């Protein structure tokens, strides 16, 4: 049966949307962070590739991101602050990359990713979370995290459904993360703080279709 002209007009006038940009997220961590971020992407129906290079120090993450940057519209590097030896060097590398048209953004959690999770339970900024004795900075943050409701058995290597579990607290975590950054800059001490909220907000933005203007 032939389609009516009115049907053809209806099909042609349907909404058209811009394609999502090609996004790469390069993680220093190979378990907890990629799992959490992939759950976030699924939640917001956003698309991004999440990868972890074989060498996972901060400089190697940056080099890996640079090697991939030409194939993507935006690249994010998710790094723990306690893995950074020289932030100035990283920023100089990124500045040079930007001059070549490569868009790379650092997403840093001081001292580690778990500080972002901790901020879902209220604002806290313990002074100078660093390695003390045999306890690493990661250990100290995880100990604090395990005191929170539902997180008593938290294990960095077995992170599952944490994004969904903490989703009701996401708005508060974003507010607390921004405050941690502002206070860190004002005090000249970024440990502890995190900019992971900016990446999660970007995931949410990517998941919303943008109509093509007529």
Foldseek 3Di string as FASTA:
>chain_A
DDDDPVVVVVVVPDFDFDAQWAEEEEELDDAQVVQLVVVLLVVLVFDYHYYYDPHRQPVVSLVVCLVCQVVGPAYEYEEACCSDPDVVVVVVVQVVSVVVVGHYYYWYFVRDPLVLVLQLQDADAPPDQADDDPRGSVNVSLVSQLVDPPSVPPDSRDDHCSCVVSVVSLVRSLVNQVVLCVVCVVVVHPHGHTPVNVVSVVSNVRSDTHTDDD
